[in-house]
Amino acid sequence: MAEPFYADFDGLPSRTNGREAWVYSGGVWREINSTSHGANSQPLSKQSFDQCFPNTPPLPPEAFKDS
């Protein structure tokens, strides 16, 4: 499995691998529709992601388990 990439989803930190997408909003990570994510996100490098979203916690353990 490829490492999920970093993205800005409508101003929110997110990660996706193309089949599964997660967004951090309201203090929690939640899974969202990957098609919606693809249409409304901007890929970021890890460095840009960390600069834009410096206090984002790690993904939950269940993220990308089946992808």
PDB file of N, CA and C in Angstrom:
ATOM      1  N   MET A   1       0.842  -1.191   0.000  1.00  0.00           N
ATOM      2  CA  MET A   1       0.000   0.000   0.000  1.00  0.00           C
ATOM      3  C   MET A   1       0.884   1.251   0.000  1.00  0.00           C
ATOM      4  N   ALA A   2       0.530   2.203  -0.824  1.00  0.00           N
ATOM      5  CA  ALA A   2       1.254   3.472  -0.874  1.00  0.00           C
ATOM      6  C   ALA A   2       0.905   4.301   0.362  1.00  0.00           C
ATOM      7  N   GLU A   3       1.844   5.070   0.800  1.00  0.00           N
ATOM      8  CA  GLU A   3       1.626   5.970   1.933  1.00  0.00           C
ATOM      9  C   GLU A   3       0.578   7.012   1.548  1.00  0.00           C
ATOM     10  N   PRO A   4      -0.451   7.219   2.396  1.00  0.00           N
ATOM     11  CA  PRO A   4      -1.447   8.253   2.090  1.00  0.00           C
ATOM     12  C   PRO A   4      -0.780   9.620   1.968  1.00  0.00           C
ATOM     13  N   PHE A   5      -1.235  10.401   0.990  1.00  0.00           N
ATOM     14  CA  PHE A   5      -0.635  11.718   0.830  1.00  0.00           C
ATOM     15  C   PHE A   5      -1.387  12.773   1.622  1.00  0.00           C
ATOM     16  N   TYR A   6      -0.732  13.897   1.787  1.00  0.00           N
ATOM     17  CA  TYR A   6      -1.247  15.025   2.562  1.00  0.00           C
ATOM     18  C   TYR A   6      -2.015  15.965   1.649  1.00  0.00           C
ATOM     19  N   ALA A   7      -3.058  16.603   2.210  1.00  0.00           N
ATOM     20  CA  ALA A   7      -3.851  17.514   1.397  1.00  0.00           C
ATOM     21  C   ALA A   7      -4.560  18.552   2.264  1.00  0.00           C
ATOM     22  N   ASP A   8      -4.996  19.602   1.587  1.00  0.00           N
ATOM     23  CA  ASP A   8      -5.839  20.641   2.169  1.00  0.00           C
ATOM     24  C   ASP A   8      -7.233  20.423   1.579  1.00  0.00           C
ATOM     25  N   PHE A   9      -8.188  20.038   2.413  1.00  0.00           N
ATOM     26  CA  PHE A   9      -9.555  19.790   1.975  1.00  0.00           C
ATOM     27  C   PHE A   9     -10.416  20.960   2.427  1.00  0.00           C
ATOM     28  N   ASP A  10     -10.657  21.901   1.535  1.00  0.00           N
ATOM     29  CA  ASP A  10     -11.457  23.093   1.862  1.00  0.00           C
ATOM     30  C   ASP A  10     -10.982  23.779   3.139  1.00  0.00           C
ATOM     31  N   GLY A  11      -9.654  23.893   3.288  1.00  0.00           N
ATOM     32  CA  GLY A  11      -9.075  24.572   4.450  1.00  0.00           C
ATOM     33  C   GLY A  11      -8.870  23.691   5.669  1.00  0.00           C
ATOM     34  N   LEU A  12      -9.102  22.390   5.526  1.00  0.00           N
ATOM     35  CA  LEU A  12      -8.922  21.458   6.638  1.00  0.00           C
ATOM     36  C   LEU A  12      -7.831  20.446   6.306  1.00  0.00           C
ATOM     37  N   PRO A  13      -7.067  20.014   7.308  1.00  0.00           N
ATOM     38  CA  PRO A  13      -6.045  19.006   7.049  1.00  0.00           C
ATOM     39  C   PRO A  13      -6.689  17.673   6.685  1.00  0.00           C
ATOM     40  N   SER A  14      -6.094  16.986   5.725  1.00  0.00           N
ATOM     41  CA  SER A  14      -6.640  15.706   5.306  1.00  0.00           C
ATOM     42  C   SER A  14      -5.541  14.799   4.774  1.00  0.00           C
ATOM     43  N   ARG A  15      -5.876  13.511   4.703  1.00  0.00           N
ATOM     44  CA  ARG A  15      -4.979  12.498   4.135  1.00  0.00           C
ATOM     45  C   ARG A  15      -5.817  11.590   3.255  1.00  0.00           C
ATOM     46  N   THR A  16      -5.233  11.117   2.174  1.00  0.00           N
ATOM     47  CA  THR A  16      -5.937  10.194   1.284  1.00  0.00           C
ATOM     48  C   THR A  16      -4.956   9.308   0.553  1.00  0.00           C
ATOM     49  N   ASN A  17      -5.454   8.168   0.123  1.00  0.00           N
ATOM     50  CA  ASN A  17      -4.667   7.293  -0.747  1.00  0.00           C
ATOM     51  C   ASN A  17      -5.400   7.071  -2.070  1.00  0.00           C
ATOM     52  N   GLY A  18      -6.468   7.843  -2.306  1.00  0.00           N
ATOM     53  CA  GLY A  18      -7.245   7.728  -3.521  1.00  0.00           C
ATOM     54  C   GLY A  18      -8.490   6.867  -3.366  1.00  0.00           C
ATOM     55  N   ARG A  19      -8.446   5.898  -2.456  1.00  0.00           N
ATOM     56  CA  ARG A  19      -9.611   5.045  -2.191  1.00  0.00           C
ATOM     57  C   ARG A  19     -10.279   5.379  -0.866  1.00  0.00           C
ATOM     58  N   GLU A  20      -9.525   5.943   0.046  1.00  0.00           N
ATOM     59  CA  GLU A  20      -9.997   6.279   1.385  1.00  0.00           C
ATOM     60  C   GLU A  20      -9.491   7.681   1.701  1.00  0.00           C
ATOM     61  N   ALA A  21     -10.321   8.477   2.374  1.00  0.00           N
ATOM     62  CA  ALA A  21      -9.916   9.850   2.720  1.00  0.00           C
ATOM     63  C   ALA A  21     -10.365  10.178   4.131  1.00  0.00           C
ATOM     64  N   TRP A  22      -9.519  10.903   4.840  1.00  0.00           N
ATOM     65  CA  TRP A  22      -9.790  11.326   6.213  1.00  0.00           C
ATOM     66  C   TRP A  22      -9.543  12.820   6.326  1.00  0.00           C
ATOM     67  N   VAL A  23     -10.405  13.499   7.080  1.00  0.00           N
ATOM     68  CA  VAL A  23     -10.271  14.936   7.307  1.00  0.00           C
ATOM     69  C   VAL A  23     -10.320  15.200   8.812  1.00  0.00           C
ATOM     70  N   TYR A  24      -9.522  16.163   9.250  1.00  0.00           N
ATOM     71  CA  TYR A  24      -9.496  16.542  10.666  1.00  0.00           C
ATOM     72  C   TYR A  24     -10.326  17.804  10.835  1.00  0.00           C
ATOM     73  N   SER A  25     -11.425  17.680  11.573  1.00  0.00           N
ATOM     74  CA  SER A  25     -12.348  18.798  11.749  1.00  0.00           C
ATOM     75  C   SER A  25     -13.023  18.692  13.106  1.00  0.00           C
ATOM     76  N   GLY A  26     -13.139  19.810  13.793  1.00  0.00           N
ATOM     77  CA  GLY A  26     -13.812  19.813  15.093  1.00  0.00           C
ATOM     78  C   GLY A  26     -13.094  18.992  16.147  1.00  0.00           C
ATOM     79  N   GLY A  27     -11.798  18.842  15.998  1.00  0.00           N
ATOM     80  CA  GLY A  27     -11.014  18.110  16.989  1.00  0.00           C
ATOM     81  C   GLY A  27     -10.975  16.603  16.807  1.00  0.00           C
ATOM     82  N   VAL A  28     -11.525  16.107  15.693  1.00  0.00           N
ATOM     83  CA  VAL A  28     -11.505  14.663  15.444  1.00  0.00           C
ATOM     84  C   VAL A  28     -11.228  14.367  13.972  1.00  0.00           C
ATOM     85  N   TRP A  29     -10.577  13.239  13.726  1.00  0.00           N
ATOM     86  CA  TRP A  29     -10.421  12.726  12.380  1.00  0.00           C
ATOM     87  C   TRP A  29     -11.697  11.973  12.020  1.00  0.00           C
ATOM     88  N   ARG A  30     -12.207  12.178  10.800  1.00  0.00           N
ATOM     89  CA  ARG A  30     -13.365  11.412  10.348  1.00  0.00           C
ATOM     90  C   ARG A  30     -13.154  11.027   8.888  1.00  0.00           C
ATOM     91  N   GLU A  31     -13.656   9.859   8.558  1.00  0.00           N
ATOM     92  CA  GLU A  31     -13.550   9.387   7.180  1.00  0.00           C
ATOM     93  C   GLU A  31     -14.597  10.094   6.333  1.00  0.00           C
ATOM     94  N   ILE A  32     -14.198  10.484   5.123  1.00  0.00           N
ATOM     95  CA  ILE A  32     -15.113  11.143   4.195  1.00  0.00           C
ATOM     96  C   ILE A  32     -15.069  10.428   2.848  1.00  0.00           C
ATOM     97  N   ASN A  33     -15.978  10.776   1.981  1.00  0.00           N
ATOM     98  CA  ASN A  33     -16.050  10.206   0.647  1.00  0.00           C
ATOM     99  C   ASN A  33     -14.797  10.580  -0.145  1.00  0.00           C
ATOM    100  N   SER A  34     -14.109   9.588  -0.663  1.00  0.00           N
ATOM    101  CA  SER A  34     -12.847   9.859  -1.362  1.00  0.00           C
ATOM    102  C   SER A  34     -13.061  10.614  -2.675  1.00  0.00           C
ATOM    103  N   THR A  35     -14.192  10.429  -3.321  1.00  0.00           N
ATOM    104  CA  THR A  35     -14.478  11.175  -4.556  1.00  0.00           C
ATOM    105  C   THR A  35     -14.661  12.651  -4.251  1.00  0.00           C
ATOM    106  N   SER A  36     -15.404  12.952  -3.200  1.00  0.00           N
ATOM    107  CA  SER A  36     -15.583  14.339  -2.771  1.00  0.00           C
ATOM    108  C   SER A  36     -14.240  14.955  -2.392  1.00  0.00           C
ATOM    109  N   HIS A  37     -13.422  14.172  -1.707  1.00  0.00           N
ATOM    110  CA  HIS A  37     -12.107  14.668  -1.306  1.00  0.00           C
ATOM    111  C   HIS A  37     -11.284  15.008  -2.540  1.00  0.00           C
ATOM    112  N   GLY A  38     -11.287  14.125  -3.517  1.00  0.00           N
ATOM    113  CA  GLY A  38     -10.506  14.362  -4.728  1.00  0.00           C
ATOM    114  C   GLY A  38     -10.927  15.609  -5.479  1.00  0.00           C
ATOM    115  N   ALA A  39     -12.211  15.913  -5.437  1.00  0.00           N
ATOM    116  CA  ALA A  39     -12.734  17.081  -6.160  1.00  0.00           C
ATOM    117  C   ALA A  39     -12.543  18.389  -5.393  1.00  0.00           C
ATOM    118  N   ASN A  40     -12.300  18.295  -4.088  1.00  0.00           N
ATOM    119  CA  ASN A  40     -12.265  19.508  -3.257  1.00  0.00           C
ATOM    120  C   ASN A  40     -10.991  19.659  -2.442  1.00  0.00           C
ATOM    121  N   SER A  41      -9.920  19.033  -2.876  1.00  0.00           N
ATOM    122  CA  SER A  41      -8.684  19.108  -2.099  1.00  0.00           C
ATOM    123  C   SER A  41      -7.501  19.521  -2.962  1.00  0.00           C
ATOM    124  N   GLN A  42      -6.489  19.994  -2.286  1.00  0.00           N
ATOM    125  CA  GLN A  42      -5.240  20.388  -2.931  1.00  0.00           C
ATOM    126  C   GLN A  42      -4.117  19.577  -2.289  1.00  0.00           C
ATOM    127  N   PRO A  43      -3.406  18.757  -3.051  1.00  0.00           N
ATOM    128  CA  PRO A  43      -2.291  17.997  -2.476  1.00  0.00           C
ATOM    129  C   PRO A  43      -1.230  18.924  -1.895  1.00  0.00           C
ATOM    130  N   LEU A  44      -0.616  18.484  -0.807  1.00  0.00           N
ATOM    131  CA  LEU A  44       0.443  19.240  -0.146  1.00  0.00           C
ATOM    132  C   LEU A  44       1.628  18.323   0.128  1.00  0.00           C
ATOM    133  N   SER A  45       2.811  18.904   0.148  1.00  0.00           N
ATOM    134  CA  SER A  45       3.973  18.156   0.617  1.00  0.00           C
ATOM    135  C   SER A  45       3.842  18.026   2.137  1.00  0.00           C
ATOM    136  N   LYS A  46       4.578  17.101   2.727  1.00  0.00           N
ATOM    137  CA  LYS A  46       4.572  16.948   4.194  1.00  0.00           C
ATOM    138  C   LYS A  46       4.984  18.258   4.849  1.00  0.00           C
ATOM    139  N   GLN A  47       5.995  18.918   4.298  1.00  0.00           N
ATOM    140  CA  GLN A  47       6.470  20.175   4.856  1.00  0.00           C
ATOM    141  C   GLN A  47       5.388  21.252   4.796  1.00  0.00           C
ATOM    142  N   SER A  48       4.706  21.384   3.671  1.00  0.00           N
ATOM    143  CA  SER A  48       3.627  22.376   3.547  1.00  0.00           C
ATOM    144  C   SER A  48       2.469  22.048   4.482  1.00  0.00           C
ATOM    145  N   PHE A  49       2.131  20.756   4.563  1.00  0.00           N
ATOM    146  CA  PHE A  49       1.062  20.318   5.461  1.00  0.00           C
ATOM    147  C   PHE A  49       1.389  20.721   6.900  1.00  0.00           C
ATOM    148  N   ASP A  50       2.622  20.441   7.336  1.00  0.00           N
ATOM    149  CA  ASP A  50       3.033  20.772   8.703  1.00  0.00           C
ATOM    150  C   ASP A  50       3.043  22.281   8.951  1.00  0.00           C
ATOM    151  N   GLN A  51       3.361  23.068   7.938  1.00  0.00           N
ATOM    152  CA  GLN A  51       3.338  24.519   8.078  1.00  0.00           C
ATOM    153  C   GLN A  51       1.911  25.056   8.130  1.00  0.00           C
ATOM    154  N   CYS A  52       1.033  24.509   7.297  1.00  0.00           N
ATOM    155  CA  CYS A  52      -0.359  24.968   7.249  1.00  0.00           C
ATOM    156  C   CYS A  52      -1.176  24.481   8.442  1.00  0.00           C
ATOM    157  N   PHE A  53      -0.883  23.274   8.899  1.00  0.00           N
ATOM    158  CA  PHE A  53      -1.664  22.632   9.964  1.00  0.00           C
ATOM    159  C   PHE A  53      -0.714  22.082  11.033  1.00  0.00           C
ATOM    160  N   PRO A  54      -0.036  22.975  11.784  1.00  0.00           N
ATOM    161  CA  PRO A  54       1.042  22.540  12.677  1.00  0.00           C
ATOM    162  C   PRO A  54       0.626  21.673  13.867  1.00  0.00           C
ATOM    163  N   ASN A  55      -0.598  21.722  14.293  1.00  0.00           N
ATOM    164  CA  ASN A  55      -1.003  20.981  15.492  1.00  0.00           C
ATOM    165  C   ASN A  55      -1.953  19.826  15.197  1.00  0.00           C
ATOM    166  N   THR A  56      -1.890  19.303  13.988  1.00  0.00           N
ATOM    167  CA  THR A  56      -2.757  18.199  13.614  1.00  0.00           C
ATOM    168  C   THR A  56      -2.257  16.902  14.254  1.00  0.00           C
ATOM    169  N   PRO A  57      -3.126  16.209  14.995  1.00  0.00           N
ATOM    170  CA  PRO A  57      -2.691  14.951  15.616  1.00  0.00           C
ATOM    171  C   PRO A  57      -2.572  13.832  14.588  1.00  0.00           C
ATOM    172  N   PRO A  58      -1.942  12.726  14.979  1.00  0.00           N
ATOM    173  CA  PRO A  58      -1.824  11.582  14.060  1.00  0.00           C
ATOM    174  C   PRO A  58      -3.199  11.024  13.694  1.00  0.00           C
ATOM    175  N   LEU A  59      -3.247  10.327  12.578  1.00  0.00           N
ATOM    176  CA  LEU A  59      -4.467   9.647  12.162  1.00  0.00           C
ATOM    177  C   LEU A  59      -4.858   8.595  13.204  1.00  0.00           C
ATOM    178  N   PRO A  60      -6.152   8.281  13.290  1.00  0.00           N
ATOM    179  CA  PRO A  60      -6.575   7.227  14.217  1.00  0.00           C
ATOM    180  C   PRO A  60      -6.080   5.855  13.722  1.00  0.00           C
ATOM    181  N   PRO A  61      -5.983   4.886  14.615  1.00  0.00           N
ATOM    182  CA  PRO A  61      -5.474   3.566  14.232  1.00  0.00           C
ATOM    183  C   PRO A  61      -6.267   2.888  13.111  1.00  0.00           C
ATOM    184  N   GLU A  62      -7.544   3.155  13.013  1.00  0.00           N
ATOM    185  CA  GLU A  62      -8.363   2.503  11.981  1.00  0.00           C
ATOM    186  C   GLU A  62      -8.191   3.093  10.586  1.00  0.00           C
ATOM    187  N   ALA A  63      -7.535   4.224  10.470  1.00  0.00           N
ATOM    188  CA  ALA A  63      -7.356   4.875   9.159  1.00  0.00           C
ATOM    189  C   ALA A  63      -6.466   4.017   8.255  1.00  0.00           C
ATOM    190  N   PHE A  64      -6.928   3.787   7.052  1.00  0.00           N
ATOM    191  CA  PHE A  64      -6.195   3.085   6.005  1.00  0.00           C
ATOM    192  C   PHE A  64      -5.853   1.641   6.342  1.00  0.00           C
ATOM    193  N   LYS A  65      -6.601   1.018   7.222  1.00  0.00           N
ATOM    194  CA  LYS A  65      -6.373  -0.393   7.573  1.00  0.00           C
ATOM    195  C   LYS A  65      -6.718  -1.326   6.418  1.00  0.00           C
ATOM    196  N   ASP A  66      -7.784  -1.010   5.682  1.00  0.00           N
ATOM    197  CA  ASP A  66      -8.258  -1.902   4.626  1.00  0.00           C
ATOM    198  C   ASP A  66      -7.876  -1.442   3.225  1.00  0.00           C
ATOM    199  N   SER A  67      -7.123  -0.351   3.128  1.00  0.00           N
ATOM    200  CA  SER A  67      -6.799   0.188   1.806  1.00  0.00           C
ATOM    201  C   SER A  67      -5.445  -0.276   1.323  1.00  0.00           C
TER     202      SER A  67
END
